[in-house]
Amino acid sequence: MPNDTIITVENLGKKYRIRHQQAERYTALRDVTATRAVAPLRALKSKLESRRQKTGNGASSGISNSYFDLRNSTEEFSDSAKGNQR
């Protein structure tokens, strides 16, 4: 009987990223001023971190967690109905 494999999947993986929301709090004028003053530096830092994540370098920030549900799974699906025919 020839190979009855219909679908073959190799190195299948599923990665989940969970992001955490920060609690809302009262915003004072000093908070707004400070946030706007450091915004260019944060933007630069964010760009550098995104480049590190694309290349696989650097640690993740404390805001999100990632985990794999599947990693390097290999599956084969065959037509079992053909095997039951006589």
C-alpha atoms as a PDB file:
ATOM      1  CA  MET A   1       0.000   0.000   0.000  1.00  0.00           C
ATOM      2  CA  PRO A   2       1.468   3.423  -0.937  1.00  0.00           C
ATOM      3  CA  ASN A   3       2.089   6.092   1.648  1.00  0.00           C
ATOM      4  CA  ASP A   4      -1.355   7.352   2.771  1.00  0.00           C
ATOM      5  CA  THR A   5      -0.052  10.502   4.442  1.00  0.00           C
ATOM      6  CA  ILE A   6      -2.271  13.441   3.540  1.00  0.00           C
ATOM      7  CA  ILE A   7      -0.678  16.214   5.617  1.00  0.00           C
ATOM      8  CA  THR A   8       2.759  16.402   7.223  1.00  0.00           C
ATOM      9  CA  VAL A   9       3.629  19.261   9.582  1.00  0.00           C
ATOM     10  CA  GLU A  10       7.159  19.728  10.921  1.00  0.00           C
ATOM     11  CA  ASN A  11       8.589  22.121  13.525  1.00  0.00           C
ATOM     12  CA  LEU A  12       5.161  23.435  14.476  1.00  0.00           C
ATOM     13  CA  GLY A  13       5.027  25.834  17.415  1.00  0.00           C
ATOM     14  CA  LYS A  14       2.628  28.206  19.129  1.00  0.00           C
ATOM     15  CA  LYS A  15       3.932  31.114  21.172  1.00  0.00           C
ATOM     16  CA  TYR A  16       1.743  33.208  23.448  1.00  0.00           C
ATOM     17  CA  ARG A  17       2.584  36.699  24.656  1.00  0.00           C
ATOM     18  CA  ILE A  18       0.748  38.001  27.708  1.00  0.00           C
ATOM     19  CA  ARG A  19       0.829  41.734  28.273  1.00  0.00           C
ATOM     20  CA  HIS A  20       0.084  43.239  31.660  1.00  0.00           C
ATOM     21  CA  GLN A  21      -1.857  46.456  32.074  1.00  0.00           C
ATOM     22  CA  GLN A  22      -0.676  49.058  34.514  1.00  0.00           C
ATOM     23  CA  ALA A  23      -3.150  50.452  37.020  1.00  0.00           C
ATOM     24  CA  GLU A  24      -4.573  53.918  36.350  1.00  0.00           C
ATOM     25  CA  ARG A  25      -3.756  56.603  38.878  1.00  0.00           C
ATOM     26  CA  TYR A  26      -4.167  60.330  39.378  1.00  0.00           C
ATOM     27  CA  THR A  27      -2.085  62.332  36.879  1.00  0.00           C
ATOM     28  CA  ALA A  28      -0.534  65.562  38.118  1.00  0.00           C
ATOM     29  CA  LEU A  29       0.950  68.313  35.947  1.00  0.00           C
ATOM     30  CA  ARG A  30       4.450  67.276  37.037  1.00  0.00           C
ATOM     31  CA  ASP A  31       3.753  63.735  35.739  1.00  0.00           C
ATOM     32  CA  VAL A  32       2.680  65.046  32.332  1.00  0.00           C
ATOM     33  CA  THR A  33       5.727  67.328  32.121  1.00  0.00           C
ATOM     34  CA  ALA A  34       8.120  64.556  33.101  1.00  0.00           C
ATOM     35  CA  THR A  35       6.524  62.101  30.667  1.00  0.00           C
ATOM     36  CA  ARG A  36       6.824  64.532  27.766  1.00  0.00           C
ATOM     37  CA  ALA A  37      10.409  65.410  28.662  1.00  0.00           C
ATOM     38  CA  VAL A  38      11.589  61.799  28.517  1.00  0.00           C
ATOM     39  CA  ALA A  39       9.371  60.744  25.574  1.00  0.00           C
ATOM     40  CA  PRO A  40      12.165  61.065  22.939  1.00  0.00           C
ATOM     41  CA  LEU A  41      14.471  58.897  25.049  1.00  0.00           C
ATOM     42  CA  ARG A  42      11.774  56.261  25.532  1.00  0.00           C
ATOM     43  CA  ALA A  43      11.072  56.223  21.792  1.00  0.00           C
ATOM     44  CA  LEU A  44      14.754  55.639  21.073  1.00  0.00           C
ATOM     45  CA  LYS A  45      14.924  52.906  23.729  1.00  0.00           C
ATOM     46  CA  SER A  46      11.817  51.247  22.267  1.00  0.00           C
ATOM     47  CA  LYS A  47      13.347  51.194  18.775  1.00  0.00           C
ATOM     48  CA  LEU A  48      16.564  49.673  20.094  1.00  0.00           C
ATOM     49  CA  GLU A  49      14.654  47.010  22.054  1.00  0.00           C
ATOM     50  CA  SER A  50      12.508  46.079  19.050  1.00  0.00           C
ATOM     51  CA  ARG A  51      15.664  45.603  16.977  1.00  0.00           C
ATOM     52  CA  ARG A  52      17.143  43.363  19.697  1.00  0.00           C
ATOM     53  CA  GLN A  53      13.975  41.262  19.829  1.00  0.00           C
ATOM     54  CA  LYS A  54      13.982  40.829  16.043  1.00  0.00           C
ATOM     55  CA  THR A  55      17.561  39.570  16.144  1.00  0.00           C
ATOM     56  CA  GLY A  56      16.971  37.513  19.270  1.00  0.00           C
ATOM     57  CA  ASN A  57      19.326  39.502  21.506  1.00  0.00           C
ATOM     58  CA  GLY A  58      18.497  41.110  24.809  1.00  0.00           C
ATOM     59  CA  ALA A  59      16.120  40.304  27.625  1.00  0.00           C
ATOM     60  CA  SER A  60      12.396  40.896  27.572  1.00  0.00           C
ATOM     61  CA  SER A  61      10.919  43.861  29.385  1.00  0.00           C
ATOM     62  CA  GLY A  62       8.916  43.365  32.566  1.00  0.00           C
ATOM     63  CA  ILE A  63       5.645  44.334  30.881  1.00  0.00           C
ATOM     64  CA  SER A  64       5.020  41.106  28.940  1.00  0.00           C
ATOM     65  CA  ASN A  65       5.667  37.413  29.373  1.00  0.00           C
ATOM     66  CA  SER A  66       5.971  34.852  26.585  1.00  0.00           C
ATOM     67  CA  TYR A  67       5.664  31.114  26.653  1.00  0.00           C
ATOM     68  CA  PHE A  68       5.434  28.289  24.140  1.00  0.00           C
ATOM     69  CA  ASP A  69       2.503  25.892  24.199  1.00  0.00           C
ATOM     70  CA  LEU A  70       4.054  23.766  21.449  1.00  0.00           C
ATOM     71  CA  ARG A  71       7.620  23.723  20.290  1.00  0.00           C
ATOM     72  CA  ASN A  72       9.104  21.719  17.404  1.00  0.00           C
ATOM     73  CA  SER A  73       6.116  19.393  17.152  1.00  0.00           C
ATOM     74  CA  THR A  74       5.852  17.056  14.158  1.00  0.00           C
ATOM     75  CA  GLU A  75       2.539  15.535  13.103  1.00  0.00           C
ATOM     76  CA  GLU A  76       1.367  13.301  10.254  1.00  0.00           C
ATOM     77  CA  PHE A  77      -2.248  12.897   9.229  1.00  0.00           C
ATOM     78  CA  SER A  78      -3.322   9.983   7.069  1.00  0.00           C
ATOM     79  CA  ASP A  79      -6.550   8.975   5.390  1.00  0.00           C
ATOM     80  CA  SER A  80      -7.806   6.263   7.731  1.00  0.00           C
ATOM     81  CA  ALA A  81     -10.917   5.742   5.576  1.00  0.00           C
ATOM     82  CA  LYS A  82      -8.769   4.222   2.791  1.00  0.00           C
ATOM     83  CA  GLY A  83      -7.360   1.653   5.196  1.00  0.00           C
ATOM     84  CA  ASN A  84     -10.854   0.413   6.100  1.00  0.00           C
ATOM     85  CA  GLN A  85     -11.893  -0.280   2.499  1.00  0.00           C
ATOM     86  CA  ARG A  86     -11.719  -3.871   1.204  1.00  0.00           C
END
